Amino acid sequence: MQLNTIQPAPGAKKAKRRVGRGIGSGLGKTAGRGHKGQSSRAGGYHKVGFEGGQMPLQRRLPKRGFVSLTRDATAEVMLYALDKLNADKVDLLALKQAGLVPSRALHAKIVLSGSITKAIKVEGLGVTKGARAAIEAAGGSITAGE
């Protein structure tokens, strides 16, 4: 076998379809497009999902799901992080200054994760049931939660 004699297997290479090249080709005259109508014309096609003016399927079906626009505005704070915080009174401003919540946060919620040993006073923050019990068990207090 020489490199100059290598060729594809018979039937592996198929000639390109040449439309509009006479009656004998089988694809002459209308070039396989049929007679008249939008699909027979040059540039005549519509957008994906178009149903001839009928209300398209993607608009007939109901929308599902919901993404809250304020989901990034609420931050979660773990209970063990408050234990490391050297402040008696904990509010949103104190958490932002300590870097526990992002500066764009509008609300914060304390969740039960880990434990707390010192008594702290929580003001204006959301608190889960478990976290509330743990803070009160450590001698702390919670006022005006969200």
C-alpha atoms as a PDB file:
ATOM      1  CA  MET A   1       0.000   0.000   0.000  1.00  0.00           C
ATOM      2  CA  GLN A   2       1.322   3.421  -0.989  1.00  0.00           C
ATOM      3  CA  LEU A   3       0.087   6.751   0.335  1.00  0.00           C
ATOM      4  CA  ASN A   4      -0.752   7.913  -3.168  1.00  0.00           C
ATOM      5  CA  THR A   5      -3.146   4.990  -3.696  1.00  0.00           C
ATOM      6  CA  ILE A   6      -5.260   5.452  -0.542  1.00  0.00           C
ATOM      7  CA  GLN A   7      -8.887   6.288  -1.266  1.00  0.00           C
ATOM      8  CA  PRO A   8     -12.190   6.149   0.638  1.00  0.00           C
ATOM      9  CA  ALA A   9     -14.345   3.039   0.528  1.00  0.00           C
ATOM     10  CA  PRO A  10     -16.887   2.853  -2.331  1.00  0.00           C
ATOM     11  CA  GLY A  11     -20.087   4.718  -1.354  1.00  0.00           C
ATOM     12  CA  ALA A  12     -18.414   6.585   1.522  1.00  0.00           C
ATOM     13  CA  LYS A  13     -18.297   9.890  -0.354  1.00  0.00           C
ATOM     14  CA  LYS A  14     -21.610  11.184  -1.677  1.00  0.00           C
ATOM     15  CA  ALA A  15     -21.841  13.989  -4.239  1.00  0.00           C
ATOM     16  CA  LYS A  16     -23.352  17.291  -3.059  1.00  0.00           C
ATOM     17  CA  ARG A  17     -26.980  17.824  -4.085  1.00  0.00           C
ATOM     18  CA  ARG A  18     -27.082  20.313  -6.974  1.00  0.00           C
ATOM     19  CA  VAL A  19     -30.564  21.822  -7.068  1.00  0.00           C
ATOM     20  CA  GLY A  20     -32.046  23.855  -9.908  1.00  0.00           C
ATOM     21  CA  ARG A  21     -29.848  22.291 -12.592  1.00  0.00           C
ATOM     22  CA  GLY A  22     -32.429  20.997 -15.034  1.00  0.00           C
ATOM     23  CA  ILE A  23     -35.226  18.460 -15.246  1.00  0.00           C
ATOM     24  CA  GLY A  24     -32.908  15.454 -15.542  1.00  0.00           C
ATOM     25  CA  SER A  25     -31.414  16.015 -12.087  1.00  0.00           C
ATOM     26  CA  GLY A  26     -34.778  15.401 -10.418  1.00  0.00           C
ATOM     27  CA  LEU A  27     -34.358  18.687  -8.591  1.00  0.00           C
ATOM     28  CA  GLY A  28     -34.849  21.140 -11.432  1.00  0.00           C
ATOM     29  CA  LYS A  29     -37.403  23.956 -11.809  1.00  0.00           C
ATOM     30  CA  THR A  30     -38.698  24.380  -8.227  1.00  0.00           C
ATOM     31  CA  ALA A  31     -35.528  22.791  -6.767  1.00  0.00           C
ATOM     32  CA  GLY A  32     -37.399  20.570  -4.314  1.00  0.00           C
ATOM     33  CA  ARG A  33     -39.256  23.488  -2.709  1.00  0.00           C
ATOM     34  CA  GLY A  34     -42.700  22.787  -4.145  1.00  0.00           C
ATOM     35  CA  HIS A  35     -45.000  25.446  -5.585  1.00  0.00           C
ATOM     36  CA  LYS A  36     -45.738  28.832  -4.023  1.00  0.00           C
ATOM     37  CA  GLY A  37     -45.912  29.702  -0.344  1.00  0.00           C
ATOM     38  CA  GLN A  38     -43.515  31.150   2.180  1.00  0.00           C
ATOM     39  CA  SER A  39     -41.145  28.177   2.253  1.00  0.00           C
ATOM     40  CA  SER A  40     -40.661  28.273  -1.517  1.00  0.00           C
ATOM     41  CA  ARG A  41     -39.372  31.830  -1.515  1.00  0.00           C
ATOM     42  CA  ALA A  42     -35.861  33.108  -0.891  1.00  0.00           C
ATOM     43  CA  GLY A  43     -35.531  34.455   2.649  1.00  0.00           C
ATOM     44  CA  GLY A  44     -38.992  33.138   3.469  1.00  0.00           C
ATOM     45  CA  TYR A  45     -38.823  31.618   6.899  1.00  0.00           C
ATOM     46  CA  HIS A  46     -40.204  32.574  10.290  1.00  0.00           C
ATOM     47  CA  LYS A  47     -38.814  32.511  13.792  1.00  0.00           C
ATOM     48  CA  VAL A  48     -38.616  29.369  15.886  1.00  0.00           C
ATOM     49  CA  GLY A  49     -41.941  28.628  17.567  1.00  0.00           C
ATOM     50  CA  PHE A  50     -44.012  30.660  15.081  1.00  0.00           C
ATOM     51  CA  GLU A  51     -47.335  28.940  14.385  1.00  0.00           C
ATOM     52  CA  GLY A  52     -48.791  31.007  11.589  1.00  0.00           C
ATOM     53  CA  GLY A  53     -50.365  33.588  13.866  1.00  0.00           C
ATOM     54  CA  GLN A  54     -51.867  31.035  16.249  1.00  0.00           C
ATOM     55  CA  MET A  55     -50.813  31.692  19.840  1.00  0.00           C
ATOM     56  CA  PRO A  56     -47.515  29.783  20.122  1.00  0.00           C
ATOM     57  CA  LEU A  57     -47.116  26.887  22.527  1.00  0.00           C
ATOM     58  CA  GLN A  58     -44.531  28.693  24.674  1.00  0.00           C
ATOM     59  CA  ARG A  59     -47.024  31.502  25.249  1.00  0.00           C
ATOM     60  CA  ARG A  60     -50.039  29.231  25.819  1.00  0.00           C
ATOM     61  CA  LEU A  61     -48.458  27.257  28.631  1.00  0.00           C
ATOM     62  CA  PRO A  62     -48.413  28.722  32.155  1.00  0.00           C
ATOM     63  CA  LYS A  63     -45.206  30.036  33.618  1.00  0.00           C
ATOM     64  CA  ARG A  64     -43.864  28.065  36.552  1.00  0.00           C
ATOM     65  CA  GLY A  65     -41.501  28.919  39.326  1.00  0.00           C
ATOM     66  CA  PHE A  66     -40.484  32.086  41.093  1.00  0.00           C
ATOM     67  CA  VAL A  67     -37.184  33.759  41.956  1.00  0.00           C
ATOM     68  CA  SER A  68     -37.400  36.363  44.672  1.00  0.00           C
ATOM     69  CA  LEU A  69     -35.813  39.697  43.834  1.00  0.00           C
ATOM     70  CA  THR A  70     -34.913  40.174  47.496  1.00  0.00           C
ATOM     71  CA  ARG A  71     -33.225  36.816  48.079  1.00  0.00           C
ATOM     72  CA  ASP A  72     -29.767  38.434  48.121  1.00  0.00           C
ATOM     73  CA  ALA A  73     -30.983  41.075  50.582  1.00  0.00           C
ATOM     74  CA  THR A  74     -31.328  38.554  53.442  1.00  0.00           C
ATOM     75  CA  ALA A  75     -28.172  37.085  54.977  1.00  0.00           C
ATOM     76  CA  GLU A  76     -27.827  34.085  57.283  1.00  0.00           C
ATOM     77  CA  VAL A  77     -25.607  34.206  60.338  1.00  0.00           C
ATOM     78  CA  MET A  78     -24.509  31.056  62.123  1.00  0.00           C
ATOM     79  CA  LEU A  79     -24.860  30.950  65.887  1.00  0.00           C
ATOM     80  CA  TYR A  80     -21.212  30.017  66.472  1.00  0.00           C
ATOM     81  CA  ALA A  81     -20.138  33.186  64.596  1.00  0.00           C
ATOM     82  CA  LEU A  82     -21.928  35.314  67.208  1.00  0.00           C
ATOM     83  CA  ASP A  83     -19.920  33.581  69.925  1.00  0.00           C
ATOM     84  CA  LYS A  84     -16.696  34.870  68.327  1.00  0.00           C
ATOM     85  CA  LEU A  85     -18.131  38.385  68.009  1.00  0.00           C
ATOM     86  CA  ASN A  86     -16.816  40.626  70.802  1.00  0.00           C
ATOM     87  CA  ALA A  87     -19.996  42.654  71.288  1.00  0.00           C
ATOM     88  CA  ASP A  88     -22.792  42.482  73.889  1.00  0.00           C
ATOM     89  CA  LYS A  89     -25.429  43.955  71.555  1.00  0.00           C
ATOM     90  CA  VAL A  90     -25.851  42.372  68.126  1.00  0.00           C
ATOM     91  CA  ASP A  91     -27.760  44.124  65.352  1.00  0.00           C
ATOM     92  CA  LEU A  92     -27.462  44.407  61.548  1.00  0.00           C
ATOM     93  CA  LEU A  93     -24.907  47.234  61.745  1.00  0.00           C
ATOM     94  CA  ALA A  94     -22.691  45.262  64.147  1.00  0.00           C
ATOM     95  CA  LEU A  95     -22.810  42.238  61.851  1.00  0.00           C
ATOM     96  CA  LYS A  96     -21.864  44.365  58.814  1.00  0.00           C
ATOM     97  CA  GLN A  97     -18.950  45.954  60.676  1.00  0.00           C
ATOM     98  CA  ALA A  98     -17.707  42.523  61.745  1.00  0.00           C
ATOM     99  CA  GLY A  99     -17.949  41.301  58.133  1.00  0.00           C
ATOM    100  CA  LEU A 100     -20.394  38.500  58.941  1.00  0.00           C
ATOM    101  CA  VAL A 101     -22.989  39.763  56.448  1.00  0.00           C
ATOM    102  CA  PRO A 102     -22.461  41.583  53.137  1.00  0.00           C
ATOM    103  CA  SER A 103     -22.867  45.350  53.123  1.00  0.00           C
ATOM    104  CA  ARG A 104     -25.814  45.151  50.676  1.00  0.00           C
ATOM    105  CA  ALA A 105     -27.834  42.955  53.075  1.00  0.00           C
ATOM    106  CA  LEU A 106     -31.075  44.522  54.291  1.00  0.00           C
ATOM    107  CA  HIS A 107     -32.016  41.751  56.737  1.00  0.00           C
ATOM    108  CA  ALA A 108     -30.186  39.059  58.650  1.00  0.00           C
ATOM    109  CA  LYS A 109     -31.376  35.870  60.279  1.00  0.00           C
ATOM    110  CA  ILE A 110     -29.580  33.906  62.963  1.00  0.00           C
ATOM    111  CA  VAL A 111     -29.694  30.141  62.415  1.00  0.00           C
ATOM    112  CA  LEU A 112     -28.827  27.366  64.836  1.00  0.00           C
ATOM    113  CA  SER A 113     -25.432  26.043  63.839  1.00  0.00           C
ATOM    114  CA  GLY A 114     -22.911  25.312  66.542  1.00  0.00           C
ATOM    115  CA  SER A 115     -23.383  26.676  70.032  1.00  0.00           C
ATOM    116  CA  ILE A 116     -23.133  29.900  71.997  1.00  0.00           C
ATOM    117  CA  THR A 117     -21.616  30.295  75.437  1.00  0.00           C
ATOM    118  CA  LYS A 118     -21.936  34.002  76.261  1.00  0.00           C
ATOM    119  CA  ALA A 119     -25.053  36.096  76.841  1.00  0.00           C
ATOM    120  CA  ILE A 120     -25.776  38.462  73.969  1.00  0.00           C
ATOM    121  CA  LYS A 121     -28.568  40.912  73.265  1.00  0.00           C
ATOM    122  CA  VAL A 122     -30.013  40.496  69.746  1.00  0.00           C
ATOM    123  CA  GLU A 123     -31.892  43.479  68.301  1.00  0.00           C
ATOM    124  CA  GLY A 124     -33.821  43.729  65.022  1.00  0.00           C
ATOM    125  CA  LEU A 125     -32.717  40.394  63.569  1.00  0.00           C
ATOM    126  CA  GLY A 126     -34.618  37.309  62.522  1.00  0.00           C
ATOM    127  CA  VAL A 127     -34.000  34.267  64.690  1.00  0.00           C
ATOM    128  CA  THR A 128     -34.961  30.634  64.122  1.00  0.00           C
ATOM    129  CA  LYS A 129     -36.669  28.657  66.900  1.00  0.00           C
ATOM    130  CA  GLY A 130     -33.559  26.623  67.678  1.00  0.00           C
ATOM    131  CA  ALA A 131     -31.295  29.664  67.705  1.00  0.00           C
ATOM    132  CA  ARG A 132     -33.759  31.539  69.951  1.00  0.00           C
ATOM    133  CA  ALA A 133     -33.743  28.695  72.454  1.00  0.00           C
ATOM    134  CA  ALA A 134     -29.927  28.503  72.435  1.00  0.00           C
ATOM    135  CA  ILE A 135     -29.484  32.277  72.916  1.00  0.00           C
ATOM    136  CA  GLU A 136     -31.984  32.369  75.771  1.00  0.00           C
ATOM    137  CA  ALA A 137     -30.419  29.278  77.357  1.00  0.00           C
ATOM    138  CA  ALA A 138     -27.046  31.086  77.357  1.00  0.00           C
ATOM    139  CA  GLY A 139     -28.686  34.030  79.195  1.00  0.00           C
ATOM    140  CA  GLY A 140     -29.166  36.302  76.187  1.00  0.00           C
ATOM    141  CA  SER A 141     -32.249  38.174  75.032  1.00  0.00           C
ATOM    142  CA  ILE A 142     -33.979  38.848  71.705  1.00  0.00           C
ATOM    143  CA  THR A 143     -35.986  41.972  70.888  1.00  0.00           C
ATOM    144  CA  ALA A 144     -38.003  43.039  67.834  1.00  0.00           C
ATOM    145  CA  GLY A 145     -37.098  40.241  65.434  1.00  0.00           C
ATOM    146  CA  GLU A 146     -38.100  40.332  61.764  1.00  0.00           C
END
